[in-house]
């Protein structure tokens, strides 16, 4: 299976999701939206790849940086 992991920045890693995909023998490609040199100024333009050709797309971010309700951020 071809899996694309989109990580927000260089600090975000595929972690246990990536490890499990690798254990299964999946073809894992990881792309980073905000490069390390733009970490403190993450207002970047990013061209996301076309979804065609991927069996799985995983988007990684932190709860504090997404639009989750306040109740979810406290967990």
N, C-alpha and C. Protein backbone atom coordinates (compact mmCIF):
# COMPACT_ATOMS: atom_id res chain seq x y z
N UNK A 1 0.85 -1.17 0.00
CA UNK A 1 0.00 0.00 0.00
C UNK A 1 0.90 1.24 0.00
N UNK A 2 0.51 2.24 -0.77
CA UNK A 2 1.24 3.51 -0.80
C UNK A 2 0.59 4.48 0.17
N UNK A 3 1.36 4.93 1.15
CA UNK A 3 0.86 5.83 2.18
C UNK A 3 1.63 7.14 2.14
N UNK A 4 0.90 8.23 2.17
CA UNK A 4 1.49 9.56 2.23
C UNK A 4 1.21 10.15 3.60
N UNK A 5 2.26 10.55 4.29
CA UNK A 5 2.13 11.20 5.60
C UNK A 5 2.53 12.65 5.42
N UNK A 6 1.60 13.55 5.73
CA UNK A 6 1.84 14.99 5.63
C UNK A 6 2.05 15.50 7.05
N UNK A 7 3.28 15.91 7.35
CA UNK A 7 3.55 16.44 8.69
C UNK A 7 3.64 17.96 8.60
N UNK A 8 3.09 18.61 9.60
CA UNK A 8 3.01 20.07 9.61
C UNK A 8 4.39 20.71 9.58
N UNK A 9 5.31 20.20 10.41
CA UNK A 9 6.63 20.80 10.50
C UNK A 9 7.67 19.73 10.80
N UNK A 10 8.93 20.15 10.91
CA UNK A 10 10.02 19.20 11.12
C UNK A 10 9.97 18.52 12.47
N UNK A 11 9.22 19.07 13.41
CA UNK A 11 9.12 18.51 14.75
C UNK A 11 8.08 17.38 14.80
N UNK A 12 7.03 17.52 14.01
CA UNK A 12 5.98 16.51 13.95
C UNK A 12 6.52 15.29 13.22
N UNK A 13 6.41 14.12 13.81
CA UNK A 13 6.91 12.91 13.19
C UNK A 13 5.79 11.89 13.05
N UNK A 14 5.93 10.96 12.12
CA UNK A 14 4.90 9.94 11.93
C UNK A 14 4.69 9.05 13.16
N UNK A 15 5.68 8.98 14.03
CA UNK A 15 5.53 8.26 15.29
C UNK A 15 5.01 6.84 15.14
N UNK A 16 4.06 6.48 16.00
CA UNK A 16 3.54 5.12 16.01
C UNK A 16 2.76 4.79 14.74
N UNK A 17 2.15 5.79 14.13
CA UNK A 17 1.43 5.56 12.87
C UNK A 17 2.42 5.14 11.79
N UNK A 18 3.49 5.90 11.65
CA UNK A 18 4.51 5.57 10.67
C UNK A 18 5.17 4.24 10.96
N UNK A 19 5.44 3.97 12.23
CA UNK A 19 6.07 2.70 12.61
C UNK A 19 5.18 1.52 12.23
N UNK A 20 3.91 1.65 12.49
CA UNK A 20 2.98 0.55 12.16
C UNK A 20 2.88 0.35 10.65
N UNK A 21 2.83 1.44 9.90
CA UNK A 21 2.77 1.32 8.45
C UNK A 21 4.03 0.62 7.92
N UNK A 22 5.18 0.98 8.48
CA UNK A 22 6.43 0.33 8.05
C UNK A 22 6.45 -1.14 8.42
N UNK A 23 5.95 -1.46 9.63
CA UNK A 23 5.86 -2.86 10.06
C UNK A 23 5.04 -3.69 9.08
N UNK A 24 3.98 -3.08 8.58
CA UNK A 24 3.10 -3.77 7.64
C UNK A 24 3.73 -3.90 6.25
N UNK A 25 4.84 -3.21 6.05
CA UNK A 25 5.51 -3.27 4.76
C UNK A 25 4.98 -2.26 3.75
N UNK A 26 4.25 -1.27 4.24
CA UNK A 26 3.70 -0.25 3.34
C UNK A 26 4.80 0.68 2.84
N UNK A 27 4.59 1.21 1.64
CA UNK A 27 5.50 2.18 1.03
C UNK A 27 5.14 3.55 1.59
N UNK A 28 5.96 4.06 2.51
CA UNK A 28 5.66 5.28 3.26
C UNK A 28 6.46 6.45 2.71
N UNK A 29 5.75 7.52 2.35
CA UNK A 29 6.38 8.77 1.92
C UNK A 29 5.95 9.86 2.89
N UNK A 30 6.92 10.58 3.44
CA UNK A 30 6.64 11.65 4.41
C UNK A 30 7.02 12.98 3.78
N UNK A 31 6.10 13.95 3.81
CA UNK A 31 6.40 15.29 3.33
C UNK A 31 6.15 16.28 4.47
N UNK A 32 6.91 17.35 4.47
CA UNK A 32 6.82 18.37 5.52
C UNK A 32 6.31 19.67 4.91
N UNK A 33 5.31 20.26 5.55
CA UNK A 33 4.71 21.50 5.05
C UNK A 33 5.58 22.70 5.42
N UNK A 34 5.95 22.82 6.68
CA UNK A 34 6.75 23.96 7.15
C UNK A 34 8.17 23.46 7.44
N UNK A 35 9.12 23.92 6.67
CA UNK A 35 10.50 23.48 6.84
C UNK A 35 11.09 24.03 8.15
N UNK A 36 12.20 23.44 8.55
CA UNK A 36 12.83 23.84 9.82
C UNK A 36 13.21 25.32 9.83
N UNK A 37 13.71 25.84 8.72
CA UNK A 37 14.13 27.25 8.71
C UNK A 37 12.94 28.22 8.72
N UNK A 38 11.72 27.73 8.52
CA UNK A 38 10.51 28.59 8.60
C UNK A 38 9.67 28.29 9.85
N UNK A 39 10.21 27.50 10.76
CA UNK A 39 9.46 27.06 11.94
C UNK A 39 8.89 28.23 12.74
N UNK A 40 9.61 29.30 12.88
CA UNK A 40 9.14 30.44 13.68
C UNK A 40 8.34 31.45 12.85
N UNK A 41 8.23 31.21 11.57
CA UNK A 41 7.42 32.04 10.68
C UNK A 41 6.73 31.10 9.69
N UNK A 42 5.74 30.33 10.18
CA UNK A 42 5.15 29.26 9.37
C UNK A 42 4.15 29.69 8.31
N UNK A 43 4.16 30.95 7.92
CA UNK A 43 3.23 31.42 6.89
C UNK A 43 3.79 31.08 5.51
N UNK A 44 3.74 29.80 5.17
CA UNK A 44 4.33 29.32 3.92
C UNK A 44 3.24 28.94 2.93
N UNK A 45 3.62 28.95 1.67
CA UNK A 45 2.76 28.43 0.62
C UNK A 45 3.23 27.00 0.36
N UNK A 46 2.29 26.09 0.23
CA UNK A 46 2.66 24.69 0.04
C UNK A 46 1.75 24.08 -1.01
N UNK A 47 2.32 23.43 -1.97
CA UNK A 47 1.55 22.73 -2.99
C UNK A 47 1.41 21.27 -2.59
N UNK A 48 0.22 20.93 -2.13
CA UNK A 48 -0.02 19.55 -1.74
C UNK A 48 -0.06 18.67 -2.98
N UNK A 49 0.48 17.46 -2.86
CA UNK A 49 0.45 16.56 -4.01
C UNK A 49 -0.98 16.09 -4.30
N UNK A 50 -1.20 15.68 -5.52
CA UNK A 50 -2.49 15.14 -5.92
C UNK A 50 -2.76 13.87 -5.11
N UNK A 51 -3.99 13.67 -4.72
CA UNK A 51 -4.36 12.50 -3.91
C UNK A 51 -4.40 11.21 -4.73
N UNK A 52 -4.46 11.34 -6.03
CA UNK A 52 -4.48 10.14 -6.87
C UNK A 52 -3.18 9.36 -6.70
N UNK A 53 -3.30 8.06 -6.68
CA UNK A 53 -2.14 7.21 -6.58
C UNK A 53 -1.76 6.82 -5.16
N UNK A 54 -2.40 7.43 -4.17
CA UNK A 54 -2.13 7.09 -2.77
C UNK A 54 -3.27 6.23 -2.25
N UNK A 55 -2.93 5.19 -1.51
CA UNK A 55 -3.96 4.35 -0.89
C UNK A 55 -4.40 4.93 0.45
N UNK A 56 -3.51 5.69 1.07
CA UNK A 56 -3.78 6.26 2.40
C UNK A 56 -3.06 7.59 2.50
N UNK A 57 -3.75 8.60 3.03
CA UNK A 57 -3.12 9.89 3.32
C UNK A 57 -3.38 10.21 4.78
N UNK A 58 -2.29 10.46 5.52
CA UNK A 58 -2.37 10.77 6.94
C UNK A 58 -1.87 12.20 7.12
N UNK A 59 -2.67 13.04 7.75
CA UNK A 59 -2.28 14.43 8.02
C UNK A 59 -1.99 14.57 9.51
N UNK A 60 -0.78 15.00 9.83
CA UNK A 60 -0.36 15.14 11.23
C UNK A 60 -0.27 16.61 11.61
N UNK A 61 -0.79 16.93 12.78
CA UNK A 61 -0.69 18.26 13.36
C UNK A 61 -0.82 18.10 14.86
N UNK A 62 -0.69 19.17 15.58
CA UNK A 62 -0.91 19.10 17.02
C UNK A 62 -2.27 19.70 17.32
N UNK A 63 -2.89 19.21 18.37
CA UNK A 63 -4.23 19.67 18.72
C UNK A 63 -4.22 21.17 19.00
N UNK A 64 -3.16 21.67 19.59
CA UNK A 64 -3.12 23.10 19.93
C UNK A 64 -3.06 23.99 18.70
N UNK A 65 -2.73 23.43 17.55
CA UNK A 65 -2.62 24.23 16.34
C UNK A 65 -3.77 24.00 15.37
N UNK A 66 -4.71 23.21 15.76
CA UNK A 66 -5.84 22.98 14.87
C UNK A 66 -7.08 23.64 15.45
N UNK A 67 -8.16 23.56 14.75
CA UNK A 67 -9.38 24.24 15.19
C UNK A 67 -10.26 23.31 16.03
N UNK A 68 -9.64 22.54 16.90
CA UNK A 68 -10.39 21.67 17.79
C UNK A 68 -11.08 22.50 18.86
N UNK A 69 -12.24 22.05 19.35
CA UNK A 69 -12.90 22.76 20.42
C UNK A 69 -12.02 22.80 21.67
N UNK A 70 -12.22 23.79 22.52
CA UNK A 70 -11.41 23.94 23.72
C UNK A 70 -11.44 22.69 24.58
N UNK A 71 -12.56 22.00 24.64
CA UNK A 71 -12.65 20.79 25.46
C UNK A 71 -11.69 19.72 24.98
N UNK A 72 -11.46 19.63 23.67
CA UNK A 72 -10.54 18.64 23.12
C UNK A 72 -9.10 19.02 23.41
N UNK A 73 -8.79 20.31 23.45
CA UNK A 73 -7.41 20.76 23.69
C UNK A 73 -6.98 20.52 25.12
N UNK A 74 -7.91 20.40 26.05
CA UNK A 74 -7.56 20.22 27.46
C UNK A 74 -7.22 18.78 27.78
N UNK A 75 -7.48 17.87 26.91
CA UNK A 75 -7.25 16.45 27.22
C UNK A 75 -5.81 16.09 27.21
